[in-house]
Amino acid sequence: MAVTSIHGPIISCGDLAAHRGVFEGVYGLTPVAEETLTAETIAALWGIEGHSAATVLLETAGTRFGIRLVQFSPLSDVVIRHKSSGYNSDALKVIDFYAPDFYAAKEHLEAKGYHLKEEVAEYELENGKFLEGHLWGPDSVVTALVSGPSDFFRNFVTTSEKLFSEVQSISTPISDVPAVLAFYEKVLGLGVIHEYGIDHESFAELVGTKHKMKLRAKNVGIVRTEPYFGLIHYGLPETAYESLHDRAVMPNRGLVGATVVVNDAAQVAYNAESFGADIVAPLTEVSLSPYGKVLSFTVRGPHGVVHHVIETT
């Protein structure tokens, strides 16, 4: 397998400080690198012309997982996702954090000046009772507090004893499940590590749809205890949602992609070309903090998600 880790999400920010307030101030991630990227570097990394950027890499202490924040200059006026239609497909939506004590986590969040969406989902799965609440943050980036049986979550996160885990997963509502699964298998060598379904009406209320929901999810990654991609189909009629595929691109603002670390970027680039994937930036060597020189390659999946593939030396 070429992928050694799914580092975590990439967020295109209207204001770096606002996002740092959420991820450092609430979820406890710490900065490990800050730098300014030239227009030449941005073009090499992500295939975008005419933009420079400031970037901050955050990680959860004791792990190799985190979030890259990027503020492009000039800023885009387009925000990828909107709260009024949170069920739209084909763009990343939610960064999930496990919270062992849901109400303590909620109180901590409120003490920092943030508030969950009023609706909280409460549902039963075969492993027990779960609670889930959503915070709609800057640029409509959604973070989720997910709580449930501690024995279950010890097998799904690296950090299970703190107020929040590291990024547990990055979830995407998608319209074409087979095509996306094929992309992950053929291009990145990732497979399904867990599946589940949610039919409870409280989850439909949390998502904001008035339609009856029959959520089915396939988690794709390396192992359950490290960040993975949550592929979600809400089971809604096709007329009930829209595709955000064409909006989910840099430099548009919001949860736009993910960093994937591999041991053979050239192989991934070959896989992507053979698959016929949307190659955004070809394989090249570029400097990126904190890694130094990396081999970099960027590809979009059929569901619109930007995957920044890096091979470190």
Protein backbone atom coordinates (compact mmCIF):
# COMPACT_ATOMS: atom_id res chain seq x y z
CA MET A 1 0.00 0.00 0.00
CA ALA A 2 1.39 3.40 -0.98
CA VAL A 3 -0.46 5.41 1.70
CA THR A 4 1.30 5.55 5.07
CA SER A 5 -1.13 7.98 6.74
CA ILE A 6 -4.10 10.23 6.12
CA HIS A 7 -2.76 13.33 7.86
CA GLY A 8 -6.05 15.22 7.92
CA PRO A 9 -8.14 17.92 6.26
CA ILE A 10 -7.11 21.02 4.32
CA ILE A 11 -9.21 24.13 4.94
CA SER A 12 -9.23 27.19 2.69
CA CYS A 13 -9.73 30.05 5.13
CA GLY A 14 -11.17 33.53 4.87
CA ASP A 15 -9.36 34.35 8.13
CA LEU A 16 -6.63 32.12 9.56
CA ALA A 17 -7.10 33.52 13.07
CA ALA A 18 -10.77 32.59 13.11
CA HIS A 19 -10.02 28.95 12.29
CA ARG A 20 -7.14 28.83 14.74
CA GLY A 21 -9.61 29.94 17.39
CA VAL A 22 -11.64 26.80 16.71
CA PHE A 23 -8.93 24.20 16.23
CA GLU A 24 -6.36 25.49 18.72
CA GLY A 25 -8.73 27.17 21.15
CA VAL A 26 -11.43 24.48 21.29
CA TYR A 27 -9.98 21.19 20.02
CA GLY A 28 -6.49 21.71 21.41
CA LEU A 29 -4.40 21.22 18.27
CA THR A 30 -0.99 22.92 18.31
CA PRO A 31 0.93 24.64 15.49
CA VAL A 32 3.91 22.74 14.13
CA ALA A 33 4.66 24.91 11.08
CA GLU A 34 3.79 28.34 9.68
CA GLU A 35 4.96 29.78 6.37
CA THR A 36 4.10 31.99 3.43
CA LEU A 37 3.81 30.22 0.09
CA THR A 38 4.69 32.01 -3.15
CA ALA A 39 2.50 31.92 -6.24
CA GLU A 40 5.05 29.58 -7.84
CA THR A 41 4.84 27.16 -4.91
CA ILE A 42 1.03 27.28 -4.85
CA ALA A 43 0.92 26.43 -8.56
CA ALA A 44 3.26 23.49 -8.01
CA LEU A 45 1.39 22.20 -4.94
CA TRP A 46 -2.23 22.60 -5.94
CA GLY A 47 -2.35 23.77 -9.56
CA ILE A 48 -3.72 27.24 -8.79
CA GLU A 49 -2.36 30.23 -10.70
CA GLY A 50 -2.09 33.80 -9.44
CA HIS A 51 -2.39 33.16 -5.69
CA SER A 52 0.05 33.27 -2.82
CA ALA A 53 -0.97 31.99 0.61
CA ALA A 54 -0.24 31.91 4.32
CA THR A 55 -0.47 28.43 5.83
CA VAL A 56 -0.44 26.90 9.30
CA LEU A 57 -0.09 23.20 10.02
CA LEU A 58 -1.77 22.08 13.26
CA GLU A 59 -1.47 18.67 14.91
CA THR A 60 -2.84 16.91 17.97
CA ALA A 61 -0.05 16.46 20.49
CA GLY A 62 1.31 12.93 20.60
CA THR A 63 0.04 12.10 17.10
CA ARG A 64 1.10 12.68 13.50
CA PHE A 65 -2.40 13.83 12.51
CA GLY A 66 -3.84 17.30 12.13
CA ILE A 67 -5.18 20.03 9.89
CA ARG A 68 -3.62 22.36 7.32
CA LEU A 69 -5.10 25.87 7.23
CA VAL A 70 -4.50 27.93 4.09
CA GLN A 71 -5.43 31.58 3.51
CA PHE A 72 -5.10 32.40 -0.16
CA SER A 73 -4.36 35.86 -1.50
CA PRO A 74 -6.43 37.12 -3.17
CA LEU A 75 -9.34 35.55 -1.28
CA SER A 76 -12.16 33.81 -3.07
CA ASP A 77 -15.69 35.15 -2.54
CA VAL A 78 -17.09 31.62 -2.86
CA VAL A 79 -17.89 29.54 0.24
CA ILE A 80 -18.26 25.90 -0.78
CA ARG A 81 -21.02 24.78 1.59
CA HIS A 82 -23.96 26.55 3.25
CA LYS A 83 -25.73 25.73 6.51
CA SER A 84 -29.19 25.90 4.92
CA SER A 85 -28.33 22.92 2.69
CA GLY A 86 -25.89 20.88 4.70
CA TYR A 87 -27.05 17.69 3.01
CA ASN A 88 -25.68 18.62 -0.43
CA SER A 89 -23.22 16.10 -1.86
CA ASP A 90 -19.81 15.83 -3.47
CA ALA A 91 -17.74 18.03 -1.17
CA LEU A 92 -16.21 17.37 2.21
CA LYS A 93 -18.54 18.34 5.04
CA VAL A 94 -17.56 17.26 8.56
CA ILE A 95 -14.37 16.88 10.60
CA ASP A 96 -15.25 14.37 13.32
CA PHE A 97 -13.77 14.42 16.82
CA TYR A 98 -14.50 11.79 19.43
CA ALA A 99 -15.58 13.33 22.74
CA PRO A 100 -15.65 10.77 25.59
CA ASP A 101 -17.88 13.07 27.65
CA PHE A 102 -20.24 14.80 25.23
CA TYR A 103 -21.62 17.29 27.74
CA ALA A 104 -18.22 18.23 29.17
CA ALA A 105 -16.99 18.83 25.62
CA LYS A 106 -20.08 20.93 24.83
CA GLU A 107 -19.54 23.00 28.00
CA HIS A 108 -15.88 23.55 27.07
CA LEU A 109 -16.88 24.66 23.59
CA GLU A 110 -19.46 27.11 24.95
CA ALA A 111 -16.94 28.53 27.44
CA LYS A 112 -14.81 29.43 24.42
CA GLY A 113 -17.72 31.30 22.84
CA TYR A 114 -18.93 28.65 20.37
CA HIS A 115 -22.27 26.87 20.18
CA LEU A 116 -23.38 23.61 18.64
CA LYS A 117 -26.30 23.56 16.27
CA GLU A 118 -29.46 23.28 18.40
CA GLU A 119 -30.36 19.84 17.06
CA VAL A 120 -28.34 16.99 18.59
CA ALA A 121 -28.65 13.50 17.11
CA GLU A 122 -29.17 10.60 19.49
CA TYR A 123 -29.20 7.18 17.86
CA GLU A 124 -28.65 3.51 18.55
CA LEU A 125 -26.24 1.32 16.62
CA GLU A 126 -25.36 -2.30 17.24
CA ASN A 127 -22.49 -1.11 19.46
CA GLY A 128 -24.69 1.05 21.72
CA LYS A 129 -26.02 4.60 22.08
CA PHE A 130 -24.35 7.54 20.30
CA LEU A 131 -24.64 11.32 20.56
CA GLU A 132 -23.57 13.71 17.80
CA GLY A 133 -23.59 17.50 17.67
CA HIS A 134 -22.34 19.86 14.94
CA LEU A 135 -20.51 23.18 15.18
CA TRP A 136 -20.75 25.31 12.05
CA GLY A 137 -17.57 27.37 12.16
CA PRO A 138 -15.93 29.98 9.92
CA ASP A 139 -16.38 29.46 6.18
CA SER A 140 -19.11 26.87 6.98
CA VAL A 141 -16.56 24.29 8.11
CA VAL A 142 -18.45 21.75 10.21
CA THR A 143 -16.86 19.97 13.14
CA ALA A 144 -18.69 17.20 14.97
CA LEU A 145 -18.60 16.01 18.56
CA VAL A 146 -19.30 12.29 18.49
CA SER A 147 -19.73 10.34 21.70
CA GLY A 148 -20.61 6.75 22.47
CA PRO A 149 -19.40 3.57 24.15
CA SER A 150 -15.80 4.02 25.30
CA ASP A 151 -14.88 0.41 24.48
CA PHE A 152 -16.03 0.98 20.91
CA PHE A 153 -14.10 4.23 20.40
CA ARG A 154 -10.84 2.86 21.80
CA ASN A 155 -10.73 0.90 18.55
CA PHE A 156 -11.45 3.98 16.42
CA VAL A 157 -9.08 6.71 17.65
CA THR A 158 -5.50 7.10 18.81
CA THR A 159 -6.36 9.56 21.61
CA SER A 160 -9.33 8.40 23.68
CA GLU A 161 -8.68 9.76 27.20
CA LYS A 162 -8.68 13.53 26.55
CA LEU A 163 -11.61 15.92 26.11
CA PHE A 164 -11.26 15.50 22.33
CA SER A 165 -9.50 12.95 20.15
CA GLU A 166 -7.38 13.81 17.16
CA VAL A 167 -9.27 14.18 13.88
CA GLN A 168 -11.17 10.90 13.79
CA SER A 169 -12.52 11.14 10.28
CA ILE A 170 -13.33 13.49 7.41
CA SER A 171 -16.83 12.83 6.15
CA THR A 172 -18.24 13.45 2.68
CA PRO A 173 -21.83 13.10 1.44
CA ILE A 174 -21.50 11.53 -2.01
CA SER A 175 -23.84 10.79 -4.89
CA ASP A 176 -21.97 7.92 -6.59
CA VAL A 177 -20.65 5.45 -4.02
CA PRO A 178 -19.19 2.81 -6.42
CA ALA A 179 -17.17 5.41 -8.36
CA VAL A 180 -15.67 6.87 -5.20
CA LEU A 181 -14.82 3.47 -3.73
CA ALA A 182 -13.09 2.56 -7.01
CA PHE A 183 -11.06 5.78 -6.87
CA TYR A 184 -9.80 5.07 -3.35
CA GLU A 185 -8.98 1.47 -4.16
CA LYS A 186 -7.34 1.96 -7.54
CA VAL A 187 -5.56 5.29 -6.96
CA LEU A 188 -4.67 5.30 -3.26
CA GLY A 189 -4.95 1.60 -2.38
CA LEU A 190 -7.44 2.27 0.41
CA GLY A 191 -10.33 -0.01 1.32
CA VAL A 192 -13.41 -0.12 3.51
CA ILE A 193 -12.49 -0.55 7.19
CA HIS A 194 -15.97 -0.09 8.72
CA GLU A 195 -19.61 0.28 7.67
CA TYR A 196 -22.71 1.48 9.49
CA GLY A 197 -26.19 2.88 8.96
CA ILE A 198 -28.37 5.46 10.74
CA ASP A 199 -32.12 5.70 10.23
CA HIS A 200 -33.07 7.76 13.30
CA GLU A 201 -35.09 10.92 12.63
CA SER A 202 -32.92 12.97 14.99
CA PHE A 203 -30.04 12.63 12.52
CA ALA A 204 -32.20 14.02 9.72
CA GLU A 205 -32.97 16.98 11.99
CA LEU A 206 -29.25 17.47 12.68
CA VAL A 207 -28.46 17.44 8.97
CA GLY A 208 -31.37 19.77 8.28
CA THR A 209 -33.44 17.85 5.76
CA LYS A 210 -37.20 17.35 6.00
CA HIS A 211 -36.98 14.17 3.96
CA LYS A 212 -36.83 10.76 5.57
CA MET A 213 -33.18 9.83 5.83
CA LYS A 214 -31.60 6.40 5.51
CA LEU A 215 -27.90 7.10 6.00
CA ARG A 216 -25.39 4.48 4.91
CA ALA A 217 -21.69 5.02 5.46
CA LYS A 218 -18.48 3.31 4.42
CA ASN A 219 -15.29 4.36 6.18
CA VAL A 220 -12.24 4.13 3.93
CA GLY A 221 -8.69 4.19 5.24
CA ILE A 222 -5.72 2.17 6.46
CA VAL A 223 -6.74 1.20 10.00
CA ARG A 224 -9.66 2.16 12.24
CA THR A 225 -7.51 3.89 14.86
CA GLU A 226 -6.17 6.52 12.43
CA PRO A 227 -8.03 9.23 10.49
CA TYR A 228 -10.10 7.91 7.61
CA PHE A 229 -12.54 9.14 4.96
CA GLY A 230 -16.21 8.71 5.83
CA LEU A 231 -18.22 8.18 2.63
CA ILE A 232 -21.86 8.95 3.32
CA HIS A 233 -25.02 8.51 1.29
CA TYR A 234 -28.01 10.03 3.05
CA GLY A 235 -30.51 7.90 1.15
CA LEU A 236 -32.38 11.02 0.02
CA PRO A 237 -34.24 11.35 -3.28
CA GLU A 238 -31.95 12.70 -6.02
CA THR A 239 -34.16 15.77 -6.28
CA ALA A 240 -33.60 16.59 -2.57
CA TYR A 241 -29.95 17.64 -2.84
CA GLU A 242 -27.44 19.25 -5.17
CA SER A 243 -23.86 18.39 -6.08
CA LEU A 244 -21.16 20.81 -4.90
CA HIS A 245 -18.54 19.16 -7.10
CA ASP A 246 -17.81 22.28 -9.17
CA ARG A 247 -17.57 24.54 -6.09
CA ALA A 248 -15.29 22.26 -4.05
CA VAL A 249 -12.02 23.58 -5.47
CA MET A 250 -9.21 25.79 -4.23
CA PRO A 251 -9.12 28.72 -3.59
CA ASN A 252 -12.87 28.56 -2.73
CA ARG A 253 -13.33 28.72 1.01
CA GLY A 254 -14.20 25.86 3.31
CA LEU A 255 -13.27 22.24 3.86
CA VAL A 256 -11.72 21.56 0.50
CA GLY A 257 -9.34 18.63 0.74
CA ALA A 258 -7.03 16.35 2.68
CA THR A 259 -3.32 15.63 2.96
CA VAL A 260 -2.34 12.03 2.27
CA VAL A 261 1.21 10.86 3.06
CA VAL A 262 2.61 8.08 0.86
CA ASN A 263 5.85 6.17 0.41
CA ASP A 264 5.72 6.25 -3.40
CA ALA A 265 4.16 9.37 -4.90
CA ALA A 266 5.20 8.34 -8.40
CA GLN A 267 3.15 5.16 -8.08
CA VAL A 268 0.10 7.12 -6.94
CA ALA A 269 0.52 9.51 -9.88
CA TYR A 270 0.71 6.52 -12.23
CA ASN A 271 -2.39 5.01 -10.60
CA ALA A 272 -4.31 8.26 -10.99
CA GLU A 273 -3.40 8.62 -14.65
CA SER A 274 -4.35 5.00 -15.34
CA PHE A 275 -7.66 5.46 -13.53
CA GLY A 276 -8.46 8.62 -15.49
CA ALA A 277 -8.69 10.74 -12.35
CA ASP A 278 -8.78 14.54 -12.36
CA ILE A 279 -5.09 15.45 -11.90
CA VAL A 280 -4.93 19.00 -10.49
CA ALA A 281 -1.15 19.33 -10.12
CA PRO A 282 1.36 16.85 -11.59
CA LEU A 283 4.14 15.16 -9.65
CA THR A 284 6.88 17.59 -8.71
CA GLU A 285 9.42 18.34 -6.00
CA VAL A 286 8.63 21.32 -3.81
CA SER A 287 9.52 22.69 -0.38
CA LEU A 288 6.76 22.54 2.23
CA SER A 289 7.13 23.16 5.96
CA PRO A 290 7.71 21.30 8.25
CA TYR A 291 8.86 18.53 5.91
CA GLY A 292 11.40 20.31 3.74
CA LYS A 293 11.59 18.92 0.22
CA VAL A 294 8.65 16.68 -0.69
CA LEU A 295 7.36 14.96 -3.79
CA SER A 296 3.92 16.50 -4.30
CA PHE A 297 0.94 15.43 -6.40
CA THR A 298 -2.68 16.62 -6.25
CA VAL A 299 -5.70 14.72 -7.54
CA ARG A 300 -9.48 15.12 -7.18
CA GLY A 301 -11.80 12.20 -6.64
CA PRO A 302 -15.11 11.70 -8.44
CA HIS A 303 -16.78 13.26 -5.37
CA GLY A 304 -14.90 16.53 -5.78
CA VAL A 305 -12.46 16.04 -2.91
CA VAL A 306 -8.93 17.40 -3.37
CA HIS A 307 -6.24 14.93 -2.25
CA HIS A 308 -2.80 16.45 -1.74
CA VAL A 309 -0.42 13.50 -1.93
CA ILE A 310 3.06 14.00 -0.47
CA GLU A 311 6.11 11.79 -0.14
CA THR A 312 8.53 13.00 2.51
CA THR A 313 12.24 12.27 2.54
